[in-house]
Every structure is written in C-alpha cells, then in structure tokens.
C-alpha cells in the first residue's frame, strides 16, 4: 500500500510574472521576465530556421542528425520545439553547421 501524502495544502495564484511571485523587486522582475521572453523567442527563431533547413533540403531526421553530429532523437526534440532541452549556443552551432551566418545585434 502507498502511504505517500499527495494532498495539496496551499496554492498561491500566479500574478503574471514568476519573478515577482518569487519576491524580486518589481523593476528587476520586469527585466528578468523581458530577458527570459527574449531568450525564448530567439530559441524559437533558431529552431524554426533549423526546421525550415530540414524541409528545404528534404532531409530525414536521421540525415540531419548525421550532418549536425547529434542523435536523431535530438533532432526530433528540436523539430518539436522542446526549448528546455537546448541552450542558445547549441542552436547557434546547429545553424552555423548549415552554412548560415548568424549576426548578433545589440541595441
């Protein structure tokens, strides 16, 4: 018999910014949220670029994996948008291996 207590005792409603919810000062929480959103958008852009490259070249995931030097499941994760499994530098490296140039713009 399983005697693990799984009852929820207390929940706190989210207010729209996890960093504020964690107790960061409002100005810092807004900056952290903005940076986080920017990272997510950049990763999505790079993943979309890679998916387009695979489609444009009529590659199977296994062929793309061989070109990029990774496993086929790794390509599957990328094509399926599993952001949490990839760092920004990994995605930049993938794009560079396709022969594309990446430009970093600071503002």
PDB file of N, CA and C in Angstrom:
ATOM      1  N   UNK A   1       0.847  -1.178   0.000  1.00  0.00           N
ATOM      2  CA  UNK A   1       0.000   0.000   0.000  1.00  0.00           C
ATOM      3  C   UNK A   1       0.893   1.241   0.000  1.00  0.00           C
ATOM      4  N   UNK A   2       0.469   2.260  -0.718  1.00  0.00           N
ATOM      5  CA  UNK A   2       1.215   3.507  -0.854  1.00  0.00           C
ATOM      6  C   UNK A   2       0.743   4.499   0.203  1.00  0.00           C
ATOM      7  N   UNK A   3       1.625   4.929   1.093  1.00  0.00           N
ATOM      8  CA  UNK A   3       1.274   5.856   2.165  1.00  0.00           C
ATOM      9  C   UNK A   3       1.812   7.266   1.932  1.00  0.00           C
ATOM     10  N   UNK A   4       2.078   7.601   0.682  1.00  0.00           N
ATOM     11  CA  UNK A   4       2.606   8.927   0.377  1.00  0.00           C
ATOM     12  C   UNK A   4       1.455   9.931   0.375  1.00  0.00           C
ATOM     13  N   UNK A   5       1.627  11.010   1.124  1.00  0.00           N
ATOM     14  CA  UNK A   5       0.618  12.064   1.204  1.00  0.00           C
ATOM     15  C   UNK A   5       0.743  12.961  -0.027  1.00  0.00           C
ATOM     16  N   UNK A   6      -0.285  13.001  -0.850  1.00  0.00           N
ATOM     17  CA  UNK A   6      -0.249  13.808  -2.069  1.00  0.00           C
ATOM     18  C   UNK A   6      -1.263  14.949  -2.050  1.00  0.00           C
ATOM     19  N   UNK A   7      -1.818  15.240  -0.889  1.00  0.00           N
ATOM     20  CA  UNK A   7      -2.817  16.310  -0.793  1.00  0.00           C
ATOM     21  C   UNK A   7      -2.145  17.676  -0.929  1.00  0.00           C
ATOM     22  N   UNK A   8      -2.804  18.554  -1.659  1.00  0.00           N
ATOM     23  CA  UNK A   8      -2.321  19.927  -1.799  1.00  0.00           C
ATOM     24  C   UNK A   8      -2.806  20.712  -0.596  1.00  0.00           C
ATOM     25  N   UNK A   9      -1.894  21.333   0.102  1.00  0.00           N
ATOM     26  CA  UNK A   9      -2.225  22.063   1.326  1.00  0.00           C
ATOM     27  C   UNK A   9      -2.449  23.554   1.075  1.00  0.00           C
ATOM     28  N   UNK A  10      -1.701  24.101   0.124  1.00  0.00           N
ATOM     29  CA  UNK A  10      -1.782  25.539  -0.115  1.00  0.00           C
ATOM     30  C   UNK A  10      -1.328  25.838  -1.541  1.00  0.00           C
ATOM     31  N   UNK A  11      -2.002  26.734  -2.201  1.00  0.00           N
ATOM     32  CA  UNK A  11      -1.554  27.209  -3.510  1.00  0.00           C
ATOM     33  C   UNK A  11      -1.557  28.730  -3.512  1.00  0.00           C
ATOM     34  N   UNK A  12      -0.658  29.290  -4.283  1.00  0.00           N
ATOM     35  CA  UNK A  12      -0.595  30.740  -4.442  1.00  0.00           C
ATOM     36  C   UNK A  12      -0.856  31.051  -5.903  1.00  0.00           C
ATOM     37  N   UNK A  13      -1.851  31.876  -6.154  1.00  0.00           N
ATOM     38  CA  UNK A  13      -2.200  32.242  -7.520  1.00  0.00           C
ATOM     39  C   UNK A  13      -1.081  33.071  -8.145  1.00  0.00           C
ATOM     40  N   UNK A  14      -0.726  32.733  -9.378  1.00  0.00           N
ATOM     41  CA  UNK A  14       0.303  33.483 -10.101  1.00  0.00           C
ATOM     42  C   UNK A  14      -0.234  34.854 -10.486  1.00  0.00           C
ATOM     43  N   UNK A  15       0.661  35.832 -10.500  1.00  0.00           N
ATOM     44  CA  UNK A  15       0.257  37.204 -10.814  1.00  0.00           C
ATOM     45  C   UNK A  15       0.713  37.645 -12.211  1.00  0.00           C
ATOM     46  N   UNK A  16       1.232  36.734 -13.017  1.00  0.00           N
ATOM     47  CA  UNK A  16       1.640  37.084 -14.373  1.00  0.00           C
ATOM     48  C   UNK A  16       3.135  37.245 -14.569  1.00  0.00           C
ATOM     49  N   UNK A  17       3.893  37.337 -13.497  1.00  0.00           N
ATOM     50  CA  UNK A  17       5.347  37.433 -13.605  1.00  0.00           C
ATOM     51  C   UNK A  17       5.937  36.558 -12.505  1.00  0.00           C
ATOM     52  N   UNK A  18       6.479  35.429 -12.915  1.00  0.00           N
ATOM     53  CA  UNK A  18       7.012  34.465 -11.951  1.00  0.00           C
ATOM     54  C   UNK A  18       8.105  35.085 -11.085  1.00  0.00           C
ATOM     55  N   UNK A  19       8.843  36.046 -11.633  1.00  0.00           N
ATOM     56  CA  UNK A  19       9.916  36.670 -10.869  1.00  0.00           C
ATOM     57  C   UNK A  19       9.364  37.552  -9.750  1.00  0.00           C
ATOM     58  N   UNK A  20       8.253  38.221 -10.015  1.00  0.00           N
ATOM     59  CA  UNK A  20       7.583  38.974  -8.942  1.00  0.00           C
ATOM     60  C   UNK A  20       7.050  38.006  -7.895  1.00  0.00           C
ATOM     61  N   UNK A  21       6.461  36.908  -8.378  1.00  0.00           N
ATOM     62  CA  UNK A  21       5.917  35.901  -7.466  1.00  0.00           C
ATOM     63  C   UNK A  21       6.999  35.324  -6.555  1.00  0.00           C
ATOM     64  N   UNK A  22       8.232  35.282  -7.062  1.00  0.00           N
ATOM     65  CA  UNK A  22       9.347  34.759  -6.267  1.00  0.00           C
ATOM     66  C   UNK A  22       9.947  35.805  -5.331  1.00  0.00           C
ATOM     67  N   UNK A  23       9.438  37.031  -5.398  1.00  0.00           N
ATOM     68  CA  UNK A  23       9.869  38.053  -4.454  1.00  0.00           C
ATOM     69  C   UNK A  23      10.882  39.056  -4.964  1.00  0.00           C
ATOM     70  N   UNK A  24      11.194  39.016  -6.260  1.00  0.00           N
ATOM     71  CA  UNK A  24      12.119  40.011  -6.808  1.00  0.00           C
ATOM     72  C   UNK A  24      11.444  41.383  -6.801  1.00  0.00           C
ATOM     73  N   UNK A  25      12.221  42.455  -6.630  1.00  0.00           N
ATOM     74  CA  UNK A  25      11.648  43.799  -6.750  1.00  0.00           C
ATOM     75  C   UNK A  25      11.017  43.968  -8.137  1.00  0.00           C
ATOM     76  N   UNK A  26       9.977  44.767  -8.229  1.00  0.00           N
ATOM     77  CA  UNK A  26       9.202  44.879  -9.466  1.00  0.00           C
ATOM     78  C   UNK A  26      10.064  45.236 -10.674  1.00  0.00           C
ATOM     79  N   UNK A  27      10.950  46.214 -10.548  1.00  0.00           N
ATOM     80  CA  UNK A  27      11.770  46.614 -11.697  1.00  0.00           C
ATOM     81  C   UNK A  27      12.701  45.493 -12.150  1.00  0.00           C
ATOM     82  N   UNK A  28      13.282  44.793 -11.197  1.00  0.00           N
ATOM     83  CA  UNK A  28      14.162  43.670 -11.541  1.00  0.00           C
ATOM     84  C   UNK A  28      13.358  42.517 -12.132  1.00  0.00           C
ATOM     85  N   UNK A  29      12.185  42.257 -11.576  1.00  0.00           N
ATOM     86  CA  UNK A  29      11.315  41.190 -12.078  1.00  0.00           C
ATOM     87  C   UNK A  29      10.916  41.453 -13.523  1.00  0.00           C
ATOM     88  N   UNK A  30      10.628  42.701 -13.853  1.00  0.00           N
ATOM     89  CA  UNK A  30      10.258  43.052 -15.226  1.00  0.00           C
ATOM     90  C   UNK A  30      11.426  42.837 -16.182  1.00  0.00           C
ATOM     91  N   UNK A  31      12.635  43.199 -15.750  1.00  0.00           N
ATOM     92  CA  UNK A  31      13.824  42.989 -16.579  1.00  0.00           C
ATOM     93  C   UNK A  31      14.083  41.500 -16.787  1.00  0.00           C
ATOM     94  N   UNK A  32      13.946  40.721 -15.723  1.00  0.00           N
ATOM     95  CA  UNK A  32      14.163  39.276 -15.823  1.00  0.00           C
ATOM     96  C   UNK A  32      13.133  38.622 -16.738  1.00  0.00           C
ATOM     97  N   UNK A  33      11.891  39.046 -16.617  1.00  0.00           N
ATOM     98  CA  UNK A  33      10.835  38.493 -17.471  1.00  0.00           C
ATOM     99  C   UNK A  33      11.100  38.841 -18.927  1.00  0.00           C
ATOM    100  N   UNK A  34      11.497  40.077 -19.188  1.00  0.00           N
ATOM    101  CA  UNK A  34      11.795  40.512 -20.550  1.00  0.00           C
ATOM    102  C   UNK A  34      12.962  39.714 -21.136  1.00  0.00           C
ATOM    103  N   UNK A  35      14.011  39.525 -20.350  1.00  0.00           N
ATOM    104  CA  UNK A  35      15.172  38.753 -20.811  1.00  0.00           C
ATOM    105  C   UNK A  35      14.791  37.305 -21.080  1.00  0.00           C
ATOM    106  N   UNK A  36      13.962  36.752 -20.223  1.00  0.00           N
ATOM    107  CA  UNK A  36      13.508  35.376 -20.387  1.00  0.00           C
ATOM    108  C   UNK A  36      12.688  35.229 -21.664  1.00  0.00           C
ATOM    109  N   UNK A  37      11.779  36.162 -21.892  1.00  0.00           N
ATOM    110  CA  UNK A  37      10.949  36.126 -23.096  1.00  0.00           C
ATOM    111  C   UNK A  37      11.797  36.283 -24.347  1.00  0.00           C
ATOM    112  N   UNK A  38      12.795  37.139 -24.286  1.00  0.00           N
ATOM    113  CA  UNK A  38      13.687  37.346 -25.423  1.00  0.00           C
ATOM    114  C   UNK A  38      14.469  36.067 -25.741  1.00  0.00           C
ATOM    115  N   UNK A  39      14.917  35.367 -24.712  1.00  0.00           N
ATOM    116  CA  UNK A  39      15.635  34.108 -24.914  1.00  0.00           C
ATOM    117  C   UNK A  39      14.723  33.072 -25.558  1.00  0.00           C
ATOM    118  N   UNK A  40      13.496  32.977 -25.081  1.00  0.00           N
ATOM    119  CA  UNK A  40      12.531  32.029 -25.646  1.00  0.00           C
ATOM    120  C   UNK A  40      12.289  32.335 -27.120  1.00  0.00           C
ATOM    121  N   UNK A  41      12.068  33.597 -27.446  1.00  0.00           N
ATOM    122  CA  UNK A  41      11.814  33.992 -28.834  1.00  0.00           C
ATOM    123  C   UNK A  41      13.014  33.695 -29.732  1.00  0.00           C
ATOM    124  N   UNK A  42      14.216  33.914 -29.223  1.00  0.00           N
ATOM    125  CA  UNK A  42      15.424  33.639 -30.005  1.00  0.00           C
ATOM    126  C   UNK A  42      15.576  32.145 -30.254  1.00  0.00           C
ATOM    127  N   UNK A  43      15.343  31.346 -29.231  1.00  0.00           N
ATOM    128  CA  UNK A  43      15.421  29.895 -29.402  1.00  0.00           C
ATOM    129  C   UNK A  43      14.391  29.416 -30.423  1.00  0.00           C
ATOM    130  N   UNK A  44      13.165  29.932 -30.327  1.00  0.00           N
ATOM    131  CA  UNK A  44      12.123  29.547 -31.284  1.00  0.00           C
ATOM    132  C   UNK A  44      12.515  29.922 -32.708  1.00  0.00           C
ATOM    133  N   UNK A  45      13.084  31.103 -32.890  1.00  0.00           N
ATOM    134  CA  UNK A  45      13.512  31.547 -34.208  1.00  0.00           C
ATOM    135  C   UNK A  45      14.567  30.591 -34.777  1.00  0.00           C
ATOM    136  N   UNK A  46      15.549  30.221 -33.953  1.00  0.00           N
ATOM    137  CA  UNK A  46      16.602  29.314 -34.413  1.00  0.00           C
ATOM    138  C   UNK A  46      16.052  27.918 -34.691  1.00  0.00           C
ATOM    139  N   UNK A  47      15.145  27.442 -33.860  1.00  0.00           N
ATOM    140  CA  UNK A  47      14.532  26.131 -34.096  1.00  0.00           C
ATOM    141  C   UNK A  47      13.722  26.138 -35.390  1.00  0.00           C
ATOM    142  N   UNK A  48      12.995  27.218 -35.639  1.00  0.00           N
ATOM    143  CA  UNK A  48      12.238  27.331 -36.888  1.00  0.00           C
ATOM    144  C   UNK A  48      13.174  27.351 -38.084  1.00  0.00           C
ATOM    145  N   UNK A  49      14.287  28.047 -37.957  1.00  0.00           N
ATOM    146  CA  UNK A  49      15.282  28.092 -39.032  1.00  0.00           C
ATOM    147  C   UNK A  49      15.801  26.687 -39.332  1.00  0.00           C
ATOM    148  N   UNK A  50      16.066  25.923 -38.290  1.00  0.00           N
ATOM    149  CA  UNK A  50      16.557  24.555 -38.478  1.00  0.00           C
ATOM    150  C   UNK A  50      15.490  23.664 -39.109  1.00  0.00           C
ATOM    151  N   UNK A  51      14.254  23.795 -38.671  1.00  0.00           N
ATOM    152  CA  UNK A  51      13.161  23.009 -39.260  1.00  0.00           C
ATOM    153  C   UNK A  51      12.996  23.348 -40.735  1.00  0.00           C
ATOM    154  N   UNK A  52      13.086  24.640 -41.064  1.00  0.00           N
ATOM    155  CA  UNK A  52      12.991  25.056 -42.468  1.00  0.00           C
ATOM    156  C   UNK A  52      14.139  24.483 -43.290  1.00  0.00           C
ATOM    157  N   UNK A  53      15.338  24.461 -42.709  1.00  0.00           N
ATOM    158  CA  UNK A  53      16.505  23.894 -43.401  1.00  0.00           C
ATOM    159  C   UNK A  53      16.284  22.412 -43.692  1.00  0.00           C
ATOM    160  N   UNK A  54      15.760  21.688 -42.723  1.00  0.00           N
ATOM    161  CA  UNK A  54      15.485  20.256 -42.903  1.00  0.00           C
ATOM    162  C   UNK A  54      14.459  20.064 -44.017  1.00  0.00           C
ATOM    163  N   UNK A  55      13.373  20.844 -43.983  1.00  0.00           N
ATOM    164  CA  UNK A  55      12.323  20.734 -45.008  1.00  0.00           C
ATOM    165  C   UNK A  55      12.840  21.122 -46.388  1.00  0.00           C
ATOM    166  N   UNK A  56      13.537  22.250 -46.468  1.00  0.00           N
ATOM    167  CA  UNK A  56      14.034  22.763 -47.748  1.00  0.00           C
ATOM    168  C   UNK A  56      14.968  21.768 -48.430  1.00  0.00           C
ATOM    169  N   UNK A  57      15.753  21.067 -47.629  1.00  0.00           N
ATOM    170  CA  UNK A  57      16.714  20.105 -48.170  1.00  0.00           C
ATOM    171  C   UNK A  57      16.175  18.683 -48.208  1.00  0.00           C
ATOM    172  N   UNK A  58      14.883  18.534 -47.922  1.00  0.00           N
ATOM    173  CA  UNK A  58      14.221  17.222 -47.940  1.00  0.00           C
ATOM    174  C   UNK A  58      14.997  16.179 -47.142  1.00  0.00           C
ATOM    175  N   UNK A  59      15.450  16.580 -45.970  1.00  0.00           N
ATOM    176  CA  UNK A  59      16.234  15.680 -45.130  1.00  0.00           C
ATOM    177  C   UNK A  59      15.337  14.889 -44.186  1.00  0.00           C
ATOM    178  N   UNK A  60      15.709  13.662 -43.974  1.00  0.00           N
ATOM    179  CA  UNK A  60      15.095  12.887 -42.893  1.00  0.00           C
ATOM    180  C   UNK A  60      15.789  13.324 -41.607  1.00  0.00           C
ATOM    181  N   UNK A  61      15.128  13.105 -40.491  1.00  0.00           N
ATOM    182  CA  UNK A  61      15.740  13.490 -39.218  1.00  0.00           C
ATOM    183  C   UNK A  61      17.081  12.797 -39.018  1.00  0.00           C
ATOM    184  N   UNK A  62      17.181  11.555 -39.446  1.00  0.00           N
ATOM    185  CA  UNK A  62      18.450  10.831 -39.283  1.00  0.00           C
ATOM    186  C   UNK A  62      19.555  11.457 -40.127  1.00  0.00           C
ATOM    187  N   UNK A  63      19.207  11.960 -41.313  1.00  0.00           N
ATOM    188  CA  UNK A  63      20.199  12.621 -42.165  1.00  0.00           C
ATOM    189  C   UNK A  63      20.644  13.951 -41.553  1.00  0.00           C
ATOM    190  N   UNK A  64      19.683  14.705 -41.053  1.00  0.00           N
ATOM    191  CA  UNK A  64      20.014  15.972 -40.392  1.00  0.00           C
ATOM    192  C   UNK A  64      20.899  15.714 -39.178  1.00  0.00           C
ATOM    193  N   UNK A  65      20.581  14.665 -38.432  1.00  0.00           N
ATOM    194  CA  UNK A  65      21.370  14.319 -37.246  1.00  0.00           C
ATOM    195  C   UNK A  65      22.813  14.008 -37.628  1.00  0.00           C
ATOM    196  N   UNK A  66      22.983  13.272 -38.707  1.00  0.00           N
ATOM    197  CA  UNK A  66      24.328  12.922 -39.164  1.00  0.00           C
ATOM    198  C   UNK A  66      25.117  14.173 -39.560  1.00  0.00           C
ATOM    199  N   UNK A  67      24.485  15.085 -40.270  1.00  0.00           N
ATOM    200  CA  UNK A  67      25.145  16.324 -40.693  1.00  0.00           C
ATOM    201  C   UNK A  67      25.537  17.173 -39.488  1.00  0.00           C
ATOM    202  N   UNK A  68      24.651  17.229 -38.499  1.00  0.00           N
ATOM    203  CA  UNK A  68      24.889  18.075 -37.326  1.00  0.00           C
ATOM    204  C   UNK A  68      25.706  17.382 -36.240  1.00  0.00           C
ATOM    205  N   UNK A  69      25.917  16.076 -36.387  1.00  0.00           N
ATOM    206  CA  UNK A  69      26.718  15.342 -35.408  1.00  0.00           C
ATOM    207  C   UNK A  69      26.002  15.070 -34.093  1.00  0.00           C
ATOM    208  N   UNK A  70      24.689  14.862 -34.183  1.00  0.00           N
ATOM    209  CA  UNK A  70      23.889  14.562 -32.989  1.00  0.00           C
ATOM    210  C   UNK A  70      23.004  13.350 -33.266  1.00  0.00           C
ATOM    211  N   UNK A  71      22.281  12.908 -32.252  1.00  0.00           N
ATOM    212  CA  UNK A  71      21.390  11.761 -32.425  1.00  0.00           C
ATOM    213  C   UNK A  71      20.079  12.188 -33.089  1.00  0.00           C
ATOM    214  N   UNK A  72      19.378  11.226 -33.705  1.00  0.00           N
ATOM    215  CA  UNK A  72      18.094  11.522 -34.319  1.00  0.00           C
ATOM    216  C   UNK A  72      17.072  12.015 -33.302  1.00  0.00           C
ATOM    217  N   UNK A  73      17.010  11.424 -32.086  1.00  0.00           N
ATOM    218  CA  UNK A  73      16.066  11.960 -31.096  1.00  0.00           C
ATOM    219  C   UNK A  73      16.331  13.426 -30.750  1.00  0.00           C
ATOM    220  N   UNK A  74      17.588  13.834 -30.840  1.00  0.00           N
ATOM    221  CA  UNK A  74      17.930  15.240 -30.570  1.00  0.00           C
ATOM    222  C   UNK A  74      17.289  16.142 -31.630  1.00  0.00           C
ATOM    223  N   UNK A  75      17.314  15.691 -32.881  1.00  0.00           N
ATOM    224  CA  UNK A  75      16.674  16.444 -33.967  1.00  0.00           C
ATOM    225  C   UNK A  75      15.167  16.469 -33.755  1.00  0.00           C
ATOM    226  N   UNK A  76      14.610  15.354 -33.346  1.00  0.00           N
ATOM    227  CA  UNK A  76      13.172  15.284 -33.071  1.00  0.00           C
ATOM    228  C   UNK A  76      12.773  16.294 -32.002  1.00  0.00           C
ATOM    229  N   UNK A  77      13.561  16.370 -30.939  1.00  0.00           N
ATOM    230  CA  UNK A  77      13.283  17.340 -29.873  1.00  0.00           C
ATOM    231  C   UNK A  77      13.310  18.769 -30.418  1.00  0.00           C
ATOM    232  N   UNK A  78      14.259  19.039 -31.290  1.00  0.00           N
ATOM    233  CA  UNK A  78      14.378  20.383 -31.846  1.00  0.00           C
ATOM    234  C   UNK A  78      13.190  20.703 -32.755  1.00  0.00           C
ATOM    235  N   UNK A  79      12.861  19.784 -33.647  1.00  0.00           N
ATOM    236  CA  UNK A  79      11.752  19.994 -34.575  1.00  0.00           C
ATOM    237  C   UNK A  79      10.430  20.148 -33.822  1.00  0.00           C
ATOM    238  N   UNK A  80      10.316  19.473 -32.695  1.00  0.00           N
ATOM    239  CA  UNK A  80       9.093  19.547 -31.892  1.00  0.00           C
ATOM    240  C   UNK A  80       9.103  20.702 -30.892  1.00  0.00           C
ATOM    241  N   UNK A  81      10.102  21.571 -30.987  1.00  0.00           N
ATOM    242  CA  UNK A  81      10.119  22.799 -30.202  1.00  0.00           C
ATOM    243  C   UNK A  81      10.332  22.623 -28.714  1.00  0.00           C
ATOM    244  N   UNK A  82      11.075  21.617 -28.318  1.00  0.00           N
ATOM    245  CA  UNK A  82      11.338  21.395 -26.894  1.00  0.00           C
ATOM    246  C   UNK A  82      12.466  22.323 -26.430  1.00  0.00           C
ATOM    247  N   UNK A  83      12.091  23.569 -26.198  1.00  0.00           N
ATOM    248  CA  UNK A  83      13.049  24.628 -25.866  1.00  0.00           C
ATOM    249  C   UNK A  83      13.948  24.299 -24.691  1.00  0.00           C
ATOM    250  N   UNK A  84      13.365  23.680 -23.685  1.00  0.00           N
ATOM    251  CA  UNK A  84      14.105  23.427 -22.449  1.00  0.00           C
ATOM    252  C   UNK A  84      15.277  22.469 -22.637  1.00  0.00           C
ATOM    253  N   UNK A  85      15.303  21.757 -23.760  1.00  0.00           N
ATOM    254  CA  UNK A  85      16.367  20.783 -23.994  1.00  0.00           C
ATOM    255  C   UNK A  85      17.564  21.369 -24.740  1.00  0.00           C
ATOM    256  N   UNK A  86      17.483  22.663 -25.092  1.00  0.00           N
ATOM    257  CA  UNK A  86      18.542  23.262 -25.897  1.00  0.00           C
ATOM    258  C   UNK A  86      19.005  24.588 -25.318  1.00  0.00           C
ATOM    259  N   UNK A  87      20.314  24.762 -25.305  1.00  0.00           N
ATOM    260  CA  UNK A  87      20.865  26.065 -24.944  1.00  0.00           C
ATOM    261  C   UNK A  87      20.940  26.906 -26.214  1.00  0.00           C
ATOM    262  N   UNK A  88      21.052  28.184 -26.020  1.00  0.00           N
ATOM    263  CA  UNK A  88      21.160  29.095 -27.156  1.00  0.00           C
ATOM    264  C   UNK A  88      22.408  28.782 -27.974  1.00  0.00           C
ATOM    265  N   UNK A  89      23.523  28.510 -27.310  1.00  0.00           N
ATOM    266  CA  UNK A  89      24.762  28.247 -28.051  1.00  0.00           C
ATOM    267  C   UNK A  89      24.682  26.964 -28.868  1.00  0.00           C
ATOM    268  N   UNK A  90      23.948  25.966 -28.391  1.00  0.00           N
ATOM    269  CA  UNK A  90      23.770  24.734 -29.165  1.00  0.00           C
ATOM    270  C   UNK A  90      23.001  25.023 -30.446  1.00  0.00           C
ATOM    271  N   UNK A  91      21.935  25.793 -30.340  1.00  0.00           N
ATOM    272  CA  UNK A  91      21.135  26.118 -31.523  1.00  0.00           C
ATOM    273  C   UNK A  91      21.918  26.979 -32.508  1.00  0.00           C
ATOM    274  N   UNK A  92      22.715  27.906 -32.001  1.00  0.00           N
ATOM    275  CA  UNK A  92      23.559  28.728 -32.870  1.00  0.00           C
ATOM    276  C   UNK A  92      24.566  27.839 -33.601  1.00  0.00           C
ATOM    277  N   UNK A  93      25.131  26.880 -32.905  1.00  0.00           N
ATOM    278  CA  UNK A  93      26.077  25.947 -33.525  1.00  0.00           C
ATOM    279  C   UNK A  93      25.401  25.143 -34.629  1.00  0.00           C
ATOM    280  N   UNK A  94      24.183  24.666 -34.377  1.00  0.00           N
ATOM    281  CA  UNK A  94      23.439  23.925 -35.402  1.00  0.00           C
ATOM    282  C   UNK A  94      23.253  24.783 -36.657  1.00  0.00           C
ATOM    283  N   UNK A  95      22.792  26.010 -36.470  1.00  0.00           N
ATOM    284  CA  UNK A  95      22.554  26.894 -37.614  1.00  0.00           C
ATOM    285  C   UNK A  95      23.861  27.138 -38.366  1.00  0.00           C
ATOM    286  N   UNK A  96      24.942  27.352 -37.653  1.00  0.00           N
ATOM    287  CA  UNK A  96      26.244  27.581 -38.293  1.00  0.00           C
ATOM    288  C   UNK A  96      26.674  26.368 -39.117  1.00  0.00           C
ATOM    289  N   UNK A  97      26.357  25.171 -38.640  1.00  0.00           N
ATOM    290  CA  UNK A  97      26.725  23.953 -39.376  1.00  0.00           C
ATOM    291  C   UNK A  97      25.950  23.806 -40.680  1.00  0.00           C
ATOM    292  N   UNK A  98      24.864  24.562 -40.833  1.00  0.00           N
ATOM    293  CA  UNK A  98      24.107  24.524 -42.091  1.00  0.00           C
ATOM    294  C   UNK A  98      24.696  25.480 -43.118  1.00  0.00           C
ATOM    295  N   UNK A  99      25.719  26.247 -42.714  1.00  0.00           N
ATOM    296  CA  UNK A  99      26.357  27.182 -43.624  1.00  0.00           C
ATOM    297  C   UNK A  99      25.814  28.596 -43.532  1.00  0.00           C
ATOM    298  N   UNK A 100      24.860  28.808 -42.663  1.00  0.00           N
ATOM    299  CA  UNK A 100      24.294  30.147 -42.498  1.00  0.00           C
ATOM    300  C   UNK A 100      25.168  30.974 -41.565  1.00  0.00           C
ATOM    301  N   UNK A 101      25.107  32.274 -41.760  1.00  0.00           N
ATOM    302  CA  UNK A 101      25.821  33.215 -40.913  1.00  0.00           C
ATOM    303  C   UNK A 101      24.845  33.799 -39.908  1.00  0.00           C
ATOM    304  N   UNK A 102      25.286  33.926 -38.685  1.00  0.00           N
ATOM    305  CA  UNK A 102      24.454  34.498 -37.632  1.00  0.00           C
ATOM    306  C   UNK A 102      25.040  35.845 -37.247  1.00  0.00           C
ATOM    307  N   UNK A 103      24.172  36.845 -37.172  1.00  0.00           N
ATOM    308  CA  UNK A 103      24.607  38.181 -36.780  1.00  0.00           C
ATOM    309  C   UNK A 103      23.967  38.528 -35.449  1.00  0.00           C
ATOM    310  N   UNK A 104      24.772  39.023 -34.555  1.00  0.00           N
ATOM    311  CA  UNK A 104      24.300  39.459 -33.245  1.00  0.00           C
ATOM    312  C   UNK A 104      24.191  40.971 -33.270  1.00  0.00           C
ATOM    313  N   UNK A 105      23.019  41.469 -32.890  1.00  0.00           N
ATOM    314  CA  UNK A 105      22.806  42.916 -32.885  1.00  0.00           C
ATOM    315  C   UNK A 105      22.443  43.358 -31.481  1.00  0.00           C
ATOM    316  N   UNK A 106      23.190  44.314 -30.976  1.00  0.00           N
ATOM    317  CA  UNK A 106      22.911  44.870 -29.659  1.00  0.00           C
ATOM    318  C   UNK A 106      22.218  46.209 -29.818  1.00  0.00           C
ATOM    319  N   UNK A 107      21.271  46.463 -28.943  1.00  0.00           N
ATOM    320  CA  UNK A 107      20.599  47.766 -29.006  1.00  0.00           C
ATOM    321  C   UNK A 107      20.422  48.330 -27.621  1.00  0.00           C
TER     322      UNK A 107
END
